[in-house]
Amino acid sequence: MEKLKAIKEIVSKIIREEEHARLDRVHFKEYGDFSLNFEVVYFVTQPDYNTYMDVQERINQEMFRQFAEEGIEFAYPTQTLFLQRSG
């Protein structure tokens, strides 16, 4: 539960500190098959695509960095396949 609350706080702070972004909301939205899904909505305040991509990249990189510091891992799609040899 503490990590769920920390995620919301970390992401909110990162976006609020980004010069060209305006935070709308961060919510723990739903349970995925193998993940806990958050919805994050922010607006880039400059109408330039390159600025948008730069802002998005900085936010994503900072989330990755801070999550690693906090021991918060991203869910990656995985599949286990069991093979049985006949005969």
PDB file of N, CA and C in Angstrom:
ATOM      1  N   MET A   1       0.821  -1.192   0.000  1.00  0.00           N
ATOM      2  CA  MET A   1       0.000   0.000   0.000  1.00  0.00           C
ATOM      3  C   MET A   1       0.870   1.263   0.000  1.00  0.00           C
ATOM      4  N   GLU A   2       1.965   1.211   0.747  1.00  0.00           N
ATOM      5  CA  GLU A   2       2.856   2.377   0.802  1.00  0.00           C
ATOM      6  C   GLU A   2       3.456   2.692  -0.562  1.00  0.00           C
ATOM      7  N   LYS A   3       3.807   1.658  -1.316  1.00  0.00           N
ATOM      8  CA  LYS A   3       4.392   1.892  -2.645  1.00  0.00           C
ATOM      9  C   LYS A   3       3.346   2.448  -3.609  1.00  0.00           C
ATOM     10  N   LEU A   4       2.092   2.009  -3.481  1.00  0.00           N
ATOM     11  CA  LEU A   4       1.033   2.561  -4.325  1.00  0.00           C
ATOM     12  C   LEU A   4       0.878   4.056  -4.077  1.00  0.00           C
ATOM     13  N   LYS A   5       0.918   4.456  -2.830  1.00  0.00           N
ATOM     14  CA  LYS A   5       0.823   5.874  -2.494  1.00  0.00           C
ATOM     15  C   LYS A   5       2.064   6.623  -2.961  1.00  0.00           C
ATOM     16  N   ALA A   6       3.225   5.980  -2.837  1.00  0.00           N
ATOM     17  CA  ALA A   6       4.477   6.617  -3.258  1.00  0.00           C
ATOM     18  C   ALA A   6       4.493   6.873  -4.752  1.00  0.00           C
ATOM     19  N   ILE A   7       3.964   5.936  -5.534  1.00  0.00           N
ATOM     20  CA  ILE A   7       3.936   6.104  -6.987  1.00  0.00           C
ATOM     21  C   ILE A   7       3.182   7.374  -7.349  1.00  0.00           C
ATOM     22  N   LYS A   8       2.017   7.549  -6.762  1.00  0.00           N
ATOM     23  CA  LYS A   8       1.212   8.730  -7.050  1.00  0.00           C
ATOM     24  C   LYS A   8       1.967  10.008  -6.688  1.00  0.00           C
ATOM     25  N   GLU A   9       2.613  10.013  -5.539  1.00  0.00           N
ATOM     26  CA  GLU A   9       3.360  11.189  -5.098  1.00  0.00           C
ATOM     27  C   GLU A   9       4.567  11.467  -5.990  1.00  0.00           C
ATOM     28  N   ILE A  10       5.305  10.422  -6.339  1.00  0.00           N
ATOM     29  CA  ILE A  10       6.500  10.577  -7.176  1.00  0.00           C
ATOM     30  C   ILE A  10       6.120  11.137  -8.545  1.00  0.00           C
ATOM     31  N   VAL A  11       5.131  10.530  -9.188  1.00  0.00           N
ATOM     32  CA  VAL A  11       4.740  10.947 -10.534  1.00  0.00           C
ATOM     33  C   VAL A  11       4.192  12.372 -10.510  1.00  0.00           C
ATOM     34  N   SER A  12       3.365  12.672  -9.532  1.00  0.00           N
ATOM     35  CA  SER A  12       2.805  14.027  -9.421  1.00  0.00           C
ATOM     36  C   SER A  12       3.911  15.061  -9.279  1.00  0.00           C
ATOM     37  N   LYS A  13       4.886  14.783  -8.425  1.00  0.00           N
ATOM     38  CA  LYS A  13       5.989  15.728  -8.197  1.00  0.00           C
ATOM     39  C   LYS A  13       6.824  15.917  -9.463  1.00  0.00           C
ATOM     40  N   ILE A  14       7.120  14.838 -10.152  1.00  0.00           N
ATOM     41  CA  ILE A  14       7.920  14.929 -11.377  1.00  0.00           C
ATOM     42  C   ILE A  14       7.234  15.837 -12.392  1.00  0.00           C
ATOM     43  N   ILE A  15       5.957  15.644 -12.588  1.00  0.00           N
ATOM     44  CA  ILE A  15       5.232  16.433 -13.589  1.00  0.00           C
ATOM     45  C   ILE A  15       5.110  17.889 -13.148  1.00  0.00           C
ATOM     46  N   ARG A  16       4.836  18.108 -11.869  1.00  0.00           N
ATOM     47  CA  ARG A  16       4.733  19.488 -11.381  1.00  0.00           C
ATOM     48  C   ARG A  16       6.050  20.252 -11.546  1.00  0.00           C
ATOM     49  N   GLU A  17       7.166  19.557 -11.465  1.00  0.00           N
ATOM     50  CA  GLU A  17       8.479  20.200 -11.587  1.00  0.00           C
ATOM     51  C   GLU A  17       8.912  20.388 -13.036  1.00  0.00           C
ATOM     52  N   GLU A  18       8.196  19.792 -13.972  1.00  0.00           N
ATOM     53  CA  GLU A  18       8.528  19.938 -15.392  1.00  0.00           C
ATOM     54  C   GLU A  18       7.999  21.284 -15.882  1.00  0.00           C
ATOM     55  N   GLU A  19       8.897  22.090 -16.426  1.00  0.00           N
ATOM     56  CA  GLU A  19       8.570  23.466 -16.824  1.00  0.00           C
ATOM     57  C   GLU A  19       7.417  23.558 -17.813  1.00  0.00           C
ATOM     58  N   HIS A  20       7.375  22.662 -18.774  1.00  0.00           N
ATOM     59  CA  HIS A  20       6.386  22.768 -19.853  1.00  0.00           C
ATOM     60  C   HIS A  20       5.245  21.762 -19.716  1.00  0.00           C
ATOM     61  N   ALA A  21       4.956  21.348 -18.487  1.00  0.00           N
ATOM     62  CA  ALA A  21       3.858  20.401 -18.271  1.00  0.00           C
ATOM     63  C   ALA A  21       2.930  20.913 -17.173  1.00  0.00           C
ATOM     64  N   ARG A  22       1.661  20.566 -17.326  1.00  0.00           N
ATOM     65  CA  ARG A  22       0.663  20.896 -16.304  1.00  0.00           C
ATOM     66  C   ARG A  22      -0.060  19.611 -15.924  1.00  0.00           C
ATOM     67  N   LEU A  23       0.061  19.232 -14.663  1.00  0.00           N
ATOM     68  CA  LEU A  23      -0.538  18.001 -14.164  1.00  0.00           C
ATOM     69  C   LEU A  23      -2.054  18.138 -14.091  1.00  0.00           C
ATOM     70  N   ASP A  24      -2.755  17.133 -14.573  1.00  0.00           N
ATOM     71  CA  ASP A  24      -4.209  17.056 -14.421  1.00  0.00           C
ATOM     72  C   ASP A  24      -4.564  16.047 -13.329  1.00  0.00           C
ATOM     73  N   ARG A  25      -4.053  14.799 -13.461  1.00  0.00           N
ATOM     74  CA  ARG A  25      -4.382  13.798 -12.449  1.00  0.00           C
ATOM     75  C   ARG A  25      -3.453  12.587 -12.525  1.00  0.00           C
ATOM     76  N   VAL A  26      -3.349  11.918 -11.383  1.00  0.00           N
ATOM     77  CA  VAL A  26      -2.649  10.636 -11.271  1.00  0.00           C
ATOM     78  C   VAL A  26      -3.514   9.753 -10.380  1.00  0.00           C
ATOM     79  N   HIS A  27      -3.940   8.609 -10.900  1.00  0.00           N
ATOM     80  CA  HIS A  27      -4.786   7.702 -10.129  1.00  0.00           C
ATOM     81  C   HIS A  27      -4.363   6.254 -10.327  1.00  0.00           C
ATOM     82  N   PHE A  28      -4.465   5.469  -9.244  1.00  0.00           N
ATOM     83  CA  PHE A  28      -4.373   4.018  -9.353  1.00  0.00           C
ATOM     84  C   PHE A  28      -5.699   3.581  -9.944  1.00  0.00           C
ATOM     85  N   LYS A  29      -5.669   3.190 -11.195  1.00  0.00           N
ATOM     86  CA  LYS A  29      -6.901   3.006 -11.970  1.00  0.00           C
ATOM     87  C   LYS A  29      -7.490   1.602 -11.875  1.00  0.00           C
ATOM     88  N   GLU A  30      -6.641   0.590 -12.034  1.00  0.00           N
ATOM     89  CA  GLU A  30      -7.201  -0.757 -12.154  1.00  0.00           C
ATOM     90  C   GLU A  30      -6.132  -1.825 -11.963  1.00  0.00           C
ATOM     91  N   TYR A  31      -6.618  -3.028 -11.786  1.00  0.00           N
ATOM     92  CA  TYR A  31      -5.757  -4.196 -11.737  1.00  0.00           C
ATOM     93  C   TYR A  31      -5.680  -4.785 -13.134  1.00  0.00           C
ATOM     94  N   GLY A  32      -4.451  -4.944 -13.649  1.00  0.00           N
ATOM     95  CA  GLY A  32      -4.258  -5.634 -14.915  1.00  0.00           C
ATOM     96  C   GLY A  32      -4.071  -7.115 -14.642  1.00  0.00           C
ATOM     97  N   ASP A  33      -3.893  -7.903 -15.689  1.00  0.00           N
ATOM     98  CA  ASP A  33      -3.680  -9.342 -15.500  1.00  0.00           C
ATOM     99  C   ASP A  33      -2.441  -9.612 -14.647  1.00  0.00           C
ATOM    100  N   PHE A  34      -1.385  -8.834 -14.875  1.00  0.00           N
ATOM    101  CA  PHE A  34      -0.151  -9.029 -14.130  1.00  0.00           C
ATOM    102  C   PHE A  34       0.462  -7.694 -13.725  1.00  0.00           C
ATOM    103  N   SER A  35      -0.384  -6.695 -13.515  1.00  0.00           N
ATOM    104  CA  SER A  35       0.129  -5.355 -13.216  1.00  0.00           C
ATOM    105  C   SER A  35      -0.899  -4.554 -12.428  1.00  0.00           C
ATOM    106  N   LEU A  36      -0.427  -3.472 -11.852  1.00  0.00           N
ATOM    107  CA  LEU A  36      -1.281  -2.469 -11.230  1.00  0.00           C
ATOM    108  C   LEU A  36      -1.185  -1.243 -12.124  1.00  0.00           C
ATOM    109  N   ASN A  37      -2.287  -0.808 -12.696  1.00  0.00           N
ATOM    110  CA  ASN A  37      -2.277   0.231 -13.722  1.00  0.00           C
ATOM    111  C   ASN A  37      -2.676   1.588 -13.159  1.00  0.00           C
ATOM    112  N   PHE A  38      -1.892   2.568 -13.516  1.00  0.00           N
ATOM    113  CA  PHE A  38      -2.160   3.949 -13.138  1.00  0.00           C
ATOM    114  C   PHE A  38      -2.558   4.728 -14.384  1.00  0.00           C
ATOM    115  N   GLU A  39      -3.408   5.716 -14.184  1.00  0.00           N
ATOM    116  CA  GLU A  39      -3.723   6.647 -15.259  1.00  0.00           C
ATOM    117  C   GLU A  39      -3.075   7.974 -14.885  1.00  0.00           C
ATOM    118  N   VAL A  40      -2.246   8.480 -15.792  1.00  0.00           N
ATOM    119  CA  VAL A  40      -1.540   9.744 -15.582  1.00  0.00           C
ATOM    120  C   VAL A  40      -1.912  10.666 -16.730  1.00  0.00           C
ATOM    121  N   VAL A  41      -2.425  11.844 -16.395  1.00  0.00           N
ATOM    122  CA  VAL A  41      -2.820  12.809 -17.418  1.00  0.00           C
ATOM    123  C   VAL A  41      -2.125  14.130 -17.125  1.00  0.00           C
ATOM    124  N   TYR A  42      -1.422  14.627 -18.131  1.00  0.00           N
ATOM    125  CA  TYR A  42      -0.810  15.954 -18.033  1.00  0.00           C
ATOM    126  C   TYR A  42      -0.855  16.593 -19.404  1.00  0.00           C
ATOM    127  N   PHE A  43      -0.742  17.888 -19.401  1.00  0.00           N
ATOM    128  CA  PHE A  43      -0.767  18.652 -20.638  1.00  0.00           C
ATOM    129  C   PHE A  43       0.586  19.309 -20.852  1.00  0.00           C
ATOM    130  N   VAL A  44       1.060  19.260 -22.077  1.00  0.00           N
ATOM    131  CA  VAL A  44       2.282  19.974 -22.449  1.00  0.00           C
ATOM    132  C   VAL A  44       1.840  21.363 -22.884  1.00  0.00           C
ATOM    133  N   THR A  45       2.455  22.363 -22.283  1.00  0.00           N
ATOM    134  CA  THR A  45       1.976  23.742 -22.449  1.00  0.00           C
ATOM    135  C   THR A  45       2.511  24.445 -23.686  1.00  0.00           C
ATOM    136  N   GLN A  46       3.350  23.786 -24.446  1.00  0.00           N
ATOM    137  CA  GLN A  46       3.886  24.359 -25.684  1.00  0.00           C
ATOM    138  C   GLN A  46       3.338  23.556 -26.865  1.00  0.00           C
ATOM    139  N   PRO A  47       2.812  24.207 -27.895  1.00  0.00           N
ATOM    140  CA  PRO A  47       2.200  23.484 -29.018  1.00  0.00           C
ATOM    141  C   PRO A  47       3.214  23.027 -30.072  1.00  0.00           C
ATOM    142  N   ASP A  48       4.339  22.529 -29.618  1.00  0.00           N
ATOM    143  CA  ASP A  48       5.398  22.098 -30.521  1.00  0.00           C
ATOM    144  C   ASP A  48       5.659  20.610 -30.287  1.00  0.00           C
ATOM    145  N   TYR A  49       5.652  19.811 -31.347  1.00  0.00           N
ATOM    146  CA  TYR A  49       5.796  18.369 -31.192  1.00  0.00           C
ATOM    147  C   TYR A  49       7.141  17.982 -30.577  1.00  0.00           C
ATOM    148  N   ASN A  50       8.209  18.624 -30.985  1.00  0.00           N
ATOM    149  CA  ASN A  50       9.518  18.299 -30.409  1.00  0.00           C
ATOM    150  C   ASN A  50       9.546  18.599 -28.918  1.00  0.00           C
ATOM    151  N   THR A  51       8.922  19.697 -28.507  1.00  0.00           N
ATOM    152  CA  THR A  51       8.840  20.016 -27.079  1.00  0.00           C
ATOM    153  C   THR A  51       8.037  18.938 -26.358  1.00  0.00           C
ATOM    154  N   TYR A  52       6.917  18.547 -26.946  1.00  0.00           N
ATOM    155  CA  TYR A  52       6.096  17.478 -26.367  1.00  0.00           C
ATOM    156  C   TYR A  52       6.921  16.211 -26.146  1.00  0.00           C
ATOM    157  N   MET A  53       7.669  15.804 -27.160  1.00  0.00           N
ATOM    158  CA  MET A  53       8.475  14.584 -27.048  1.00  0.00           C
ATOM    159  C   MET A  53       9.576  14.737 -26.001  1.00  0.00           C
ATOM    160  N   ASP A  54      10.211  15.908 -25.945  1.00  0.00           N
ATOM    161  CA  ASP A  54      11.249  16.157 -24.933  1.00  0.00           C
ATOM    162  C   ASP A  54      10.678  16.088 -23.526  1.00  0.00           C
ATOM    163  N   VAL A  55       9.504  16.694 -23.326  1.00  0.00           N
ATOM    164  CA  VAL A  55       8.848  16.682 -22.011  1.00  0.00           C
ATOM    165  C   VAL A  55       8.491  15.248 -21.629  1.00  0.00           C
ATOM    166  N   GLN A  56       7.882  14.536 -22.542  1.00  0.00           N
ATOM    167  CA  GLN A  56       7.497  13.150 -22.271  1.00  0.00           C
ATOM    168  C   GLN A  56       8.708  12.298 -21.921  1.00  0.00           C
ATOM    169  N   GLU A  57       9.788  12.472 -22.668  1.00  0.00           N
ATOM    170  CA  GLU A  57      10.999  11.701 -22.416  1.00  0.00           C
ATOM    171  C   GLU A  57      11.581  12.017 -21.038  1.00  0.00           C
ATOM    172  N   ARG A  58      11.654  13.297 -20.684  1.00  0.00           N
ATOM    173  CA  ARG A  58      12.189  13.678 -19.367  1.00  0.00           C
ATOM    174  C   ARG A  58      11.342  13.102 -18.238  1.00  0.00           C
ATOM    175  N   ILE A  59      10.033  13.184 -18.380  1.00  0.00           N
ATOM    176  CA  ILE A  59       9.142  12.645 -17.350  1.00  0.00           C
ATOM    177  C   ILE A  59       9.335  11.137 -17.229  1.00  0.00           C
ATOM    178  N   ASN A  60       9.356  10.432 -18.345  1.00  0.00           N
ATOM    179  CA  ASN A  60       9.516   8.973 -18.316  1.00  0.00           C
ATOM    180  C   ASN A  60      10.865   8.560 -17.744  1.00  0.00           C
ATOM    181  N   GLN A  61      11.926   9.255 -18.115  1.00  0.00           N
ATOM    182  CA  GLN A  61      13.250   8.929 -17.588  1.00  0.00           C
ATOM    183  C   GLN A  61      13.322   9.174 -16.079  1.00  0.00           C
ATOM    184  N   GLU A  62      12.736  10.271 -15.637  1.00  0.00           N
ATOM    185  CA  GLU A  62      12.770  10.584 -14.206  1.00  0.00           C
ATOM    186  C   GLU A  62      11.914   9.591 -13.420  1.00  0.00           C
ATOM    187  N   MET A  63      10.797   9.175 -13.982  1.00  0.00           N
ATOM    188  CA  MET A  63       9.994   8.139 -13.318  1.00  0.00           C
ATOM    189  C   MET A  63      10.809   6.855 -13.192  1.00  0.00           C
ATOM    190  N   PHE A  64      11.465   6.460 -14.250  1.00  0.00           N
ATOM    191  CA  PHE A  64      12.278   5.246 -14.227  1.00  0.00           C
ATOM    192  C   PHE A  64      13.351   5.347 -13.149  1.00  0.00           C
ATOM    193  N   ARG A  65      14.033   6.484 -13.101  1.00  0.00           N
ATOM    194  CA  ARG A  65      15.118   6.686 -12.126  1.00  0.00           C
ATOM    195  C   ARG A  65      14.596   6.630 -10.693  1.00  0.00           C
ATOM    196  N   GLN A  66      13.538   7.382 -10.422  1.00  0.00           N
ATOM    197  CA  GLN A  66      13.028   7.446  -9.052  1.00  0.00           C
ATOM    198  C   GLN A  66      12.364   6.134  -8.622  1.00  0.00           C
ATOM    199  N   PHE A  67      11.697   5.465  -9.527  1.00  0.00           N
ATOM    200  CA  PHE A  67      11.116   4.167  -9.183  1.00  0.00           C
ATOM    201  C   PHE A  67      12.223   3.182  -8.816  1.00  0.00           C
ATOM    202  N   ALA A  68      13.318   3.183  -9.565  1.00  0.00           N
ATOM    203  CA  ALA A  68      14.434   2.287  -9.250  1.00  0.00           C
ATOM    204  C   ALA A  68      14.986   2.590  -7.860  1.00  0.00           C
ATOM    205  N   GLU A  69      15.114   3.868  -7.526  1.00  0.00           N
ATOM    206  CA  GLU A  69      15.591   4.252  -6.186  1.00  0.00           C
ATOM    207  C   GLU A  69      14.674   3.732  -5.086  1.00  0.00           C
ATOM    208  N   GLU A  70      13.378   3.703  -5.358  1.00  0.00           N
ATOM    209  CA  GLU A  70      12.385   3.282  -4.371  1.00  0.00           C
ATOM    210  C   GLU A  70      12.104   1.776  -4.405  1.00  0.00           C
ATOM    211  N   GLY A  71      12.742   1.065  -5.331  1.00  0.00           N
ATOM    212  CA  GLY A  71      12.504  -0.371  -5.445  1.00  0.00           C
ATOM    213  C   GLY A  71      11.153  -0.699  -6.063  1.00  0.00           C
ATOM    214  N   ILE A  72      10.637   0.223  -6.873  1.00  0.00           N
ATOM    215  CA  ILE A  72       9.366   0.009  -7.570  1.00  0.00           C
ATOM    216  C   ILE A  72       9.692  -0.499  -8.965  1.00  0.00           C
ATOM    217  N   GLU A  73       9.169  -1.669  -9.305  1.00  0.00           N
ATOM    218  CA  GLU A  73       9.485  -2.290 -10.590  1.00  0.00           C
ATOM    219  C   GLU A  73       8.341  -2.151 -11.566  1.00  0.00           C
ATOM    220  N   PHE A  74       8.673  -2.062 -12.840  1.00  0.00           N
ATOM    221  CA  PHE A  74       7.677  -2.036 -13.900  1.00  0.00           C
ATOM    222  C   PHE A  74       7.295  -3.473 -14.251  1.00  0.00           C
ATOM    223  N   ALA A  75       6.045  -3.681 -14.590  1.00  0.00           N
ATOM    224  CA  ALA A  75       5.592  -5.000 -15.031  1.00  0.00           C
ATOM    225  C   ALA A  75       5.914  -5.143 -16.513  1.00  0.00           C
ATOM    226  N   TYR A  76       6.557  -6.231 -16.857  1.00  0.00           N
ATOM    227  CA  TYR A  76       6.851  -6.514 -18.255  1.00  0.00           C
ATOM    228  C   TYR A  76       6.063  -7.752 -18.653  1.00  0.00           C
ATOM    229  N   PRO A  77       5.465  -7.748 -19.827  1.00  0.00           N
ATOM    230  CA  PRO A  77       4.695  -8.926 -20.243  1.00  0.00           C
ATOM    231  C   PRO A  77       5.604 -10.143 -20.322  1.00  0.00           C
ATOM    232  N   THR A  78       5.209 -11.194 -19.667  1.00  0.00           N
ATOM    233  CA  THR A  78       5.974 -12.442 -19.716  1.00  0.00           C
ATOM    234  C   THR A  78       5.005 -13.603 -19.932  1.00  0.00           C
ATOM    235  N   GLN A  79       5.544 -14.685 -20.430  1.00  0.00           N
ATOM    236  CA  GLN A  79       4.734 -15.875 -20.637  1.00  0.00           C
ATOM    237  C   GLN A  79       5.631 -17.074 -20.405  1.00  0.00           C
ATOM    238  N   THR A  80       5.105 -18.052 -19.699  1.00  0.00           N
ATOM    239  CA  THR A  80       5.833 -19.293 -19.465  1.00  0.00           C
ATOM    240  C   THR A  80       5.195 -20.380 -20.310  1.00  0.00           C
ATOM    241  N   LEU A  81       6.012 -21.093 -21.039  1.00  0.00           N
ATOM    242  CA  LEU A  81       5.526 -22.152 -21.914  1.00  0.00           C
ATOM    243  C   LEU A  81       6.135 -23.464 -21.447  1.00  0.00           C
ATOM    244  N   PHE A  82       5.298 -24.447 -21.143  1.00  0.00           N
ATOM    245  CA  PHE A  82       5.762 -25.752 -20.708  1.00  0.00           C
ATOM    246  C   PHE A  82       5.631 -26.713 -21.875  1.00  0.00           C
ATOM    247  N   LEU A  83       6.730 -27.369 -22.209  1.00  0.00           N
ATOM    248  CA  LEU A  83       6.746 -28.343 -23.315  1.00  0.00           C
ATOM    249  C   LEU A  83       6.895 -29.739 -22.746  1.00  0.00           C
ATOM    250  N   GLN A  84       6.130 -30.649 -23.303  1.00  0.00           N
ATOM    251  CA  GLN A  84       6.220 -32.041 -22.876  1.00  0.00           C
ATOM    252  C   GLN A  84       6.614 -32.873 -24.077  1.00  0.00           C
ATOM    253  N   ARG A  85       7.644 -33.656 -23.884  1.00  0.00           N
ATOM    254  CA  ARG A  85       8.118 -34.522 -24.956  1.00  0.00           C
ATOM    255  C   ARG A  85       7.342 -35.832 -24.907  1.00  0.00           C
ATOM    256  N   SER A  86       6.766 -36.203 -26.021  1.00  0.00           N
ATOM    257  CA  SER A  86       6.009 -37.479 -26.041  1.00  0.00           C
ATOM    258  C   SER A  86       6.877 -38.574 -26.606  1.00  0.00           C
ATOM    259  N   GLY A  87       6.622 -39.762 -26.134  1.00  0.00           N
ATOM    260  CA  GLY A  87       7.299 -40.910 -26.709  1.00  0.00           C
ATOM    261  C   GLY A  87       8.362 -41.423 -25.931  1.00  0.00           C
TER     262      GLY A  87
END
